[in-house]
Amino acid sequence: MRILDRYILRELLGPFLIGILGFVLVMTVDLLFTMADLIINKGVPLWAMLRLLAYKLPSIMVLTFPVSTLFAAAMALGRLSKDNEITALRTSGIHLLRISLPILALGIAVSLLAYITNEKIVPYTNHQASTLIRQVIYKKPLPEVKENVFFKDAYNRFYYARRIDMEKKLMTGVMVYEVADEKFPRVILADEASFSGKEWELKKGVVHKFDQEGRLNWEASFDRMNLSISEDVLDFAMQKTCAEMDSKEIKDKIVMLDRGGVRTDALRTELLLKYSIPATCFVFALVAIPFSLTTPRAGRTWGMVMTIVMIFTFYVFASVFRSLGVGGLLSPLLAAFTPQATFIMIGGILLFREACFK
């Protein structure tokens, strides 16, 4: 690593860490007020609040990574521009694109860190936080009735139940897809099923098999059928939200719903957001470079103002497109990546203009 790279990275590191700390504190203010009220007025144990805060921190940090990257780039370049160090480097023959490399490298590294955190840590901690809120803080037990439950077991079988009564241990409107070596799965439909642990008893149903062309070639009705599964109904009856699932879980749910003819625009949008949100770190690093060089005399003040304006503009833009994708008014791919692609285009054009014409 060259001296220039180390020098610029040192300038970036301080504001980046300060940005993470500052934005985390800002984003947890509302949570801290709520926690204080629950401890003082509701008698919720302090240990439960501390656990909740720990579970919430990873998802909050993922949101602060892009903002902190933008803040670090704006502050570092603002300081270098104000002290005429950027001008000195460029008059020494160092191209602006070369000066920008450490900033872009930081954006890529933080994007990877955000993706890993969002994929491997955040789903688990969000699920634990939801469980803690429901069972400890609000003291709500598992609901007795669940509707429209989907899940997959370890034997590559997909299940759907229109309604599950946990108290009576009874399911109605049951559908089972058994994916085997054949091109099309075997489908089992049953009016209802009773369960005890990992054993099901299907009642009043029919089994369908299909040939290689997708045509029904075998059908058999039954009054009762016993089925062994790999998980207890209690484990999968508590459905996870998209924030509590990793990419693989969302993909499995999309496949299952597609086979059942259910629209999956919202799930596909949320799946692609798993990739586009971490990429925002690189986008902000790129956009920060040309914007931070436009008024060098303003220095750190301009960096702070530019950070706030850029954050507001981008997240309003991203929220609108996410809503369009979830509502099925726009394709999931466009909904998830249009804001990032637009800002990359703007940042790339401005950086090229700054590097080649100034």
Protein backbone atom coordinates (compact mmCIF):
# COMPACT_ATOMS: atom_id res chain seq x y z
CA MET A 1 0.00 0.00 0.00
CA ARG A 2 1.44 3.36 -1.00
CA ILE A 3 1.95 6.27 1.36
CA LEU A 4 -0.87 8.18 -0.36
CA ASP A 5 -3.32 5.33 0.21
CA ARG A 6 -2.40 5.02 3.88
CA TYR A 7 -2.66 8.78 4.35
CA ILE A 8 -6.15 9.03 2.83
CA LEU A 9 -7.39 5.93 4.66
CA ARG A 10 -6.25 7.44 7.98
CA GLU A 11 -8.25 10.54 7.11
CA LEU A 12 -11.28 8.35 6.41
CA LEU A 13 -11.07 6.02 9.39
CA GLY A 14 -11.67 8.60 12.12
CA PRO A 15 -14.83 10.16 10.61
CA PHE A 16 -16.11 6.69 9.67
CA LEU A 17 -15.92 5.40 13.25
CA ILE A 18 -17.30 8.66 14.64
CA GLY A 19 -20.12 8.44 12.09
CA ILE A 20 -21.06 4.90 13.15
CA LEU A 21 -21.05 5.85 16.83
CA GLY A 22 -22.97 9.09 16.28
CA PHE A 23 -25.61 7.69 13.94
CA VAL A 24 -26.14 4.62 16.14
CA LEU A 25 -26.77 6.89 19.11
CA VAL A 26 -29.20 9.02 17.10
CA MET A 27 -31.10 5.98 15.82
CA THR A 28 -31.36 4.40 19.28
CA VAL A 29 -32.73 7.50 21.03
CA ASP A 30 -36.36 6.50 20.46
CA LEU A 31 -35.60 2.93 21.54
CA LEU A 32 -33.89 4.16 24.71
CA PHE A 33 -36.91 6.32 25.63
CA THR A 34 -39.21 3.33 25.11
CA MET A 35 -36.92 1.10 27.17
CA ALA A 36 -36.84 3.60 30.05
CA ASP A 37 -40.65 3.76 30.06
CA LEU A 38 -40.96 -0.02 30.08
CA ILE A 39 -38.49 -0.37 32.94
CA ILE A 40 -39.96 2.39 35.12
CA ASN A 41 -43.70 2.14 34.41
CA LYS A 42 -44.20 -1.45 33.20
CA GLY A 43 -41.77 -3.24 35.49
CA VAL A 44 -39.89 -4.92 32.63
CA PRO A 45 -36.56 -6.34 33.90
CA LEU A 46 -33.42 -4.40 33.05
CA TRP A 47 -31.79 -7.57 31.68
CA ALA A 48 -34.57 -7.90 29.11
CA MET A 49 -34.02 -4.32 27.92
CA LEU A 50 -30.26 -4.84 27.64
CA ARG A 51 -30.81 -8.00 25.60
CA LEU A 52 -33.26 -6.17 23.35
CA LEU A 53 -30.74 -3.38 22.77
CA ALA A 54 -28.04 -5.94 21.92
CA TYR A 55 -30.37 -7.69 19.45
CA LYS A 56 -31.33 -4.39 17.78
CA LEU A 57 -27.78 -3.09 17.35
CA PRO A 58 -26.77 -5.21 14.28
CA SER A 59 -29.76 -4.04 12.19
CA ILE A 60 -29.16 -0.44 13.26
CA MET A 61 -25.47 -0.67 12.37
CA VAL A 62 -26.26 -1.97 8.88
CA LEU A 63 -28.31 1.17 8.31
CA THR A 64 -25.48 3.39 9.58
CA PHE A 65 -22.77 1.84 7.39
CA PRO A 66 -23.76 3.71 4.18
CA VAL A 67 -24.31 6.97 6.04
CA SER A 68 -20.98 6.67 7.86
CA THR A 69 -19.19 5.96 4.58
CA LEU A 70 -20.66 9.09 3.01
CA PHE A 71 -19.85 11.12 6.12
CA ALA A 72 -16.24 9.85 6.21
CA ALA A 73 -15.62 10.59 2.52
CA ALA A 74 -17.19 14.05 2.73
CA MET A 75 -15.30 15.03 5.88
CA ALA A 76 -11.94 13.66 4.71
CA LEU A 77 -12.10 15.23 1.26
CA GLY A 78 -13.46 18.45 2.71
CA ARG A 79 -10.45 18.73 5.01
CA LEU A 80 -7.96 17.86 2.25
CA SER A 81 -9.57 20.35 -0.13
CA LYS A 82 -9.70 23.16 2.42
CA ASP A 83 -5.97 22.77 3.16
CA ASN A 84 -5.23 22.66 -0.58
CA GLU A 85 -3.79 19.15 -0.33
CA ILE A 86 -5.97 17.90 -3.17
CA THR A 87 -4.72 20.77 -5.34
CA ALA A 88 -1.11 19.96 -4.41
CA LEU A 89 -1.56 16.29 -5.28
CA ARG A 90 -3.17 17.07 -8.64
CA THR A 91 -0.52 19.63 -9.61
CA SER A 92 2.09 16.99 -8.76
CA GLY A 93 0.68 14.84 -11.54
CA ILE A 94 -1.52 12.52 -9.45
CA HIS A 95 -4.85 11.98 -11.20
CA LEU A 96 -8.06 12.49 -9.25
CA LEU A 97 -9.15 8.94 -10.05
CA ARG A 98 -5.97 7.68 -8.38
CA ILE A 99 -6.68 9.83 -5.33
CA SER A 100 -10.20 8.38 -5.26
CA LEU A 101 -9.10 4.72 -5.14
CA PRO A 102 -8.79 4.45 -1.32
CA ILE A 103 -12.25 5.97 -0.90
CA LEU A 104 -13.80 3.57 -3.39
CA ALA A 105 -11.93 0.67 -1.77
CA LEU A 106 -13.39 1.66 1.59
CA GLY A 107 -16.85 1.74 0.01
CA ILE A 108 -16.42 -1.79 -1.37
CA ALA A 109 -15.06 -3.13 1.94
CA VAL A 110 -17.90 -1.61 3.96
CA SER A 111 -20.44 -2.94 1.42
CA LEU A 112 -19.09 -6.47 1.95
CA LEU A 113 -19.17 -6.01 5.72
CA ALA A 114 -22.77 -4.73 5.52
CA TYR A 115 -23.83 -7.67 3.34
CA ILE A 116 -22.29 -10.28 5.65
CA THR A 117 -23.82 -8.64 8.72
CA ASN A 118 -27.22 -8.28 7.06
CA GLU A 119 -27.19 -11.88 5.80
CA LYS A 120 -25.64 -13.82 8.69
CA ILE A 121 -26.33 -11.84 11.86
CA VAL A 122 -29.30 -9.51 11.43
CA PRO A 123 -31.98 -12.17 10.63
CA TYR A 124 -31.14 -14.09 13.82
CA THR A 125 -30.99 -11.03 16.07
CA ASN A 126 -34.22 -9.59 14.62
CA HIS A 127 -36.00 -12.88 15.26
CA GLN A 128 -34.68 -13.02 18.82
CA ALA A 129 -35.74 -9.41 19.39
CA SER A 130 -39.28 -10.12 18.16
CA THR A 131 -39.53 -13.18 20.40
CA LEU A 132 -38.25 -11.21 23.39
CA ILE A 133 -40.71 -8.37 22.79
CA ARG A 134 -43.64 -10.75 22.49
CA GLN A 135 -42.91 -13.19 25.30
CA VAL A 136 -41.02 -11.15 27.91
CA ILE A 137 -41.81 -7.48 27.44
CA TYR A 138 -45.50 -7.70 26.44
CA LYS A 139 -45.96 -11.20 27.89
CA LYS A 140 -47.88 -12.47 24.91
CA PRO A 141 -47.88 -16.25 24.41
CA LEU A 142 -47.81 -17.94 21.05
CA PRO A 143 -51.08 -17.25 19.22
CA GLU A 144 -53.52 -20.14 19.33
CA VAL A 145 -54.51 -19.76 15.68
CA LYS A 146 -52.20 -19.10 12.72
CA GLU A 147 -53.30 -18.60 9.13
CA ASN A 148 -51.54 -19.19 5.79
CA VAL A 149 -48.42 -20.88 7.14
CA PHE A 150 -45.66 -22.00 4.72
CA PHE A 151 -42.54 -23.97 5.57
CA LYS A 152 -40.00 -26.51 4.30
CA ASP A 153 -38.53 -29.53 6.07
CA ALA A 154 -35.14 -31.26 5.78
CA TYR A 155 -36.50 -33.86 3.30
CA ASN A 156 -37.15 -31.25 0.60
CA ARG A 157 -40.88 -31.24 1.25
CA PHE A 158 -42.87 -28.02 1.20
CA TYR A 159 -45.97 -27.53 3.35
CA TYR A 160 -48.87 -25.12 3.44
CA ALA A 161 -51.72 -24.90 5.96
CA ARG A 162 -54.53 -22.43 5.53
CA ARG A 163 -55.22 -22.45 9.27
CA ILE A 164 -53.48 -23.95 12.31
CA ASP A 165 -55.19 -24.21 15.69
CA MET A 166 -52.37 -24.67 18.18
CA GLU A 167 -54.70 -25.41 21.09
CA LYS A 168 -56.63 -28.16 19.31
CA LYS A 169 -53.54 -29.28 17.35
CA LEU A 170 -55.51 -29.22 14.15
CA MET A 171 -54.74 -27.89 10.66
CA THR A 172 -57.16 -27.24 7.81
CA GLY A 173 -56.54 -26.74 4.09
CA VAL A 174 -53.27 -28.69 4.05
CA MET A 175 -51.03 -28.96 0.98
CA VAL A 176 -47.75 -30.93 0.73
CA TYR A 177 -45.24 -30.76 -2.15
CA GLU A 178 -42.80 -33.68 -2.23
CA VAL A 179 -39.88 -32.79 -4.49
CA ALA A 180 -38.20 -35.99 -5.71
CA ASP A 181 -36.14 -36.97 -8.76
CA GLU A 182 -39.08 -36.42 -11.07
CA LYS A 183 -39.48 -33.15 -12.95
CA PHE A 184 -42.74 -32.33 -11.16
CA PRO A 185 -43.43 -32.87 -7.45
CA ARG A 186 -45.99 -35.17 -5.91
CA VAL A 187 -48.80 -33.12 -4.40
CA ILE A 188 -50.87 -34.16 -1.39
CA LEU A 189 -54.03 -32.22 -0.53
CA ALA A 190 -56.04 -32.80 2.65
CA ASP A 191 -59.07 -31.13 4.18
CA GLU A 192 -57.52 -31.27 7.64
CA ALA A 193 -54.71 -32.82 9.65
CA SER A 194 -54.09 -33.42 13.31
CA PHE A 195 -50.54 -33.33 14.66
CA SER A 196 -48.58 -34.50 17.65
CA GLY A 197 -44.95 -33.50 17.67
CA LYS A 198 -43.47 -34.60 14.34
CA GLU A 199 -46.31 -36.95 13.41
CA TRP A 200 -49.25 -35.83 11.26
CA GLU A 201 -52.48 -37.60 10.44
CA LEU A 202 -53.96 -36.28 7.19
CA LYS A 203 -57.71 -36.74 6.72
CA LYS A 204 -59.92 -36.74 3.63
CA GLY A 205 -57.37 -36.01 0.98
CA VAL A 206 -56.00 -36.86 -2.44
CA VAL A 207 -52.53 -37.56 -3.88
CA HIS A 208 -51.55 -36.25 -7.33
CA LYS A 209 -48.62 -37.35 -9.51
CA PHE A 210 -47.59 -35.79 -12.81
CA ASP A 211 -45.72 -37.07 -15.85
CA GLN A 212 -42.68 -35.44 -17.43
CA GLU A 213 -44.93 -33.15 -19.47
CA GLY A 214 -46.68 -31.82 -16.38
CA ARG A 215 -49.93 -33.69 -17.02
CA LEU A 216 -51.74 -35.48 -14.21
CA ASN A 217 -51.19 -39.22 -14.71
CA TRP A 218 -52.07 -40.68 -11.29
CA GLU A 219 -54.53 -39.77 -8.56
CA ALA A 220 -55.54 -41.54 -5.37
CA SER A 221 -57.96 -40.53 -2.64
CA PHE A 222 -57.55 -41.43 1.02
CA ASP A 223 -59.51 -41.10 4.25
CA ARG A 224 -56.45 -41.07 6.50
CA MET A 225 -52.70 -40.89 5.90
CA ASN A 226 -49.86 -40.73 8.42
CA LEU A 227 -46.92 -38.45 7.64
CA SER A 228 -43.62 -37.99 9.51
CA ILE A 229 -41.88 -34.61 9.25
CA SER A 230 -38.54 -33.35 10.54
CA GLU A 231 -39.81 -30.44 12.65
CA ASP A 232 -42.41 -29.80 15.29
CA VAL A 233 -45.33 -27.67 14.15
CA LEU A 234 -44.58 -25.30 17.04
CA ASP A 235 -41.22 -24.45 15.43
CA PHE A 236 -42.56 -23.35 12.07
CA ALA A 237 -45.96 -22.00 13.10
CA MET A 238 -44.28 -18.77 14.17
CA GLN A 239 -43.67 -17.30 10.73
CA LYS A 240 -40.72 -15.01 10.27
CA THR A 241 -40.86 -11.64 8.61
CA CYS A 242 -38.44 -10.80 5.80
CA ALA A 243 -36.28 -8.94 8.31
CA GLU A 244 -35.92 -12.22 10.22
CA MET A 245 -34.98 -14.36 7.19
CA ASP A 246 -31.78 -14.69 5.22
CA SER A 247 -31.68 -14.83 1.42
CA LYS A 248 -32.02 -18.61 1.23
CA GLU A 249 -35.14 -18.64 3.40
CA ILE A 250 -36.76 -15.93 1.30
CA LYS A 251 -35.87 -17.79 -1.92
CA ASP A 252 -37.40 -21.01 -0.58
CA LYS A 253 -40.58 -19.18 0.31
CA ILE A 254 -40.74 -17.58 -3.15
CA VAL A 255 -40.39 -20.99 -4.83
CA MET A 256 -43.15 -22.43 -2.68
CA LEU A 257 -45.53 -19.54 -3.29
CA ASP A 258 -44.83 -19.58 -7.04
CA ARG A 259 -45.84 -23.22 -7.18
CA GLY A 260 -49.05 -22.35 -5.38
CA GLY A 261 -49.82 -19.51 -7.79
CA VAL A 262 -49.39 -16.78 -5.16
CA ARG A 263 -47.92 -13.39 -6.15
CA THR A 264 -44.41 -12.87 -4.80
CA ASP A 265 -43.60 -9.27 -5.82
CA ALA A 266 -43.14 -8.16 -2.21
CA LEU A 267 -40.86 -11.08 -1.35
CA ARG A 268 -38.78 -10.67 -4.51
CA THR A 269 -38.33 -6.99 -3.75
CA GLU A 270 -37.24 -7.73 -0.19
CA LEU A 271 -34.83 -10.39 -1.46
CA LEU A 272 -33.12 -7.98 -3.86
CA LEU A 273 -32.97 -5.33 -1.15
CA LYS A 274 -30.73 -7.75 0.75
CA TYR A 275 -28.14 -7.00 -1.96
CA SER A 276 -28.94 -3.40 -2.87
CA ILE A 277 -28.88 -1.97 0.66
CA PRO A 278 -25.26 -3.05 1.36
CA ALA A 279 -24.23 -1.76 -2.09
CA THR A 280 -25.33 1.71 -0.98
CA CYS A 281 -22.03 2.02 0.93
CA PHE A 282 -20.08 1.97 -2.35
CA VAL A 283 -22.63 4.26 -4.01
CA PHE A 284 -22.26 6.88 -1.28
CA ALA A 285 -18.46 6.65 -1.42
CA LEU A 286 -18.54 7.32 -5.17
CA VAL A 287 -21.02 10.19 -5.02
CA ALA A 288 -19.21 11.86 -2.12
CA ILE A 289 -16.02 12.42 -4.13
CA PRO A 290 -17.19 14.98 -6.73
CA PHE A 291 -19.63 16.68 -4.36
CA SER A 292 -16.94 17.17 -1.69
CA LEU A 293 -14.61 18.92 -4.14
CA THR A 294 -17.00 21.55 -5.48
CA THR A 295 -16.47 24.13 -2.70
CA PRO A 296 -13.08 23.39 -1.14
CA ARG A 297 -13.09 26.49 1.09
CA ALA A 298 -16.13 25.27 2.99
CA GLY A 299 -14.20 22.26 4.32
CA ARG A 300 -15.89 20.18 7.01
CA THR A 301 -19.00 22.37 7.13
CA TRP A 302 -19.76 21.59 3.51
CA GLY A 303 -19.09 17.92 4.21
CA MET A 304 -21.72 17.87 6.96
CA VAL A 305 -24.32 19.73 4.87
CA MET A 306 -23.69 17.52 1.83
CA THR A 307 -24.06 14.38 3.96
CA ILE A 308 -27.45 15.43 5.30
CA VAL A 309 -28.82 16.47 1.90
CA MET A 310 -27.54 13.32 0.19
CA ILE A 311 -28.96 11.02 2.86
CA PHE A 312 -32.39 12.63 2.76
CA THR A 313 -32.58 12.62 -1.03
CA PHE A 314 -31.45 9.04 -1.45
CA TYR A 315 -33.63 7.47 1.23
CA VAL A 316 -36.78 9.28 0.08
CA PHE A 317 -36.00 8.03 -3.43
CA ALA A 318 -35.31 4.48 -2.18
CA SER A 319 -38.46 4.37 0.00
CA VAL A 320 -40.71 5.34 -2.92
CA PHE A 321 -39.23 2.66 -5.18
CA ARG A 322 -39.42 0.01 -2.46
CA SER A 323 -43.12 0.73 -2.00
CA LEU A 324 -43.67 0.48 -5.76
CA GLY A 325 -41.93 -2.90 -5.82
CA VAL A 326 -43.76 -4.31 -2.80
CA GLY A 327 -47.08 -3.16 -4.25
CA GLY A 328 -46.36 -4.84 -7.59
CA LEU A 329 -46.40 -1.55 -9.52
CA LEU A 330 -42.75 -1.91 -10.54
CA SER A 331 -40.57 -4.93 -11.19
CA PRO A 332 -38.60 -6.01 -8.07
CA LEU A 333 -35.27 -5.55 -9.87
CA LEU A 334 -36.02 -1.93 -10.78
CA ALA A 335 -37.51 -1.23 -7.36
CA ALA A 336 -34.45 -2.50 -5.53
CA PHE A 337 -31.64 -1.12 -7.70
CA THR A 338 -32.93 2.00 -9.48
CA PRO A 339 -31.91 4.40 -6.65
CA GLN A 340 -28.39 2.94 -6.49
CA ALA A 341 -27.99 2.85 -10.27
CA THR A 342 -29.17 6.46 -10.57
CA PHE A 343 -26.75 7.72 -7.94
CA ILE A 344 -23.89 5.70 -9.45
CA MET A 345 -24.60 7.32 -12.81
CA ILE A 346 -24.70 10.80 -11.28
CA GLY A 347 -21.57 10.19 -9.24
CA GLY A 348 -19.69 8.66 -12.17
CA ILE A 349 -20.52 11.53 -14.52
CA LEU A 350 -19.58 14.19 -11.98
CA LEU A 351 -16.35 12.39 -11.05
CA PHE A 352 -15.36 12.06 -14.71
CA ARG A 353 -16.15 15.73 -15.28
CA GLU A 354 -14.15 16.76 -12.22
CA ALA A 355 -11.19 14.56 -13.18
CA CYS A 356 -10.99 15.40 -16.86
CA PHE A 357 -12.13 19.01 -17.17
CA LYS A 358 -10.83 20.72 -14.02
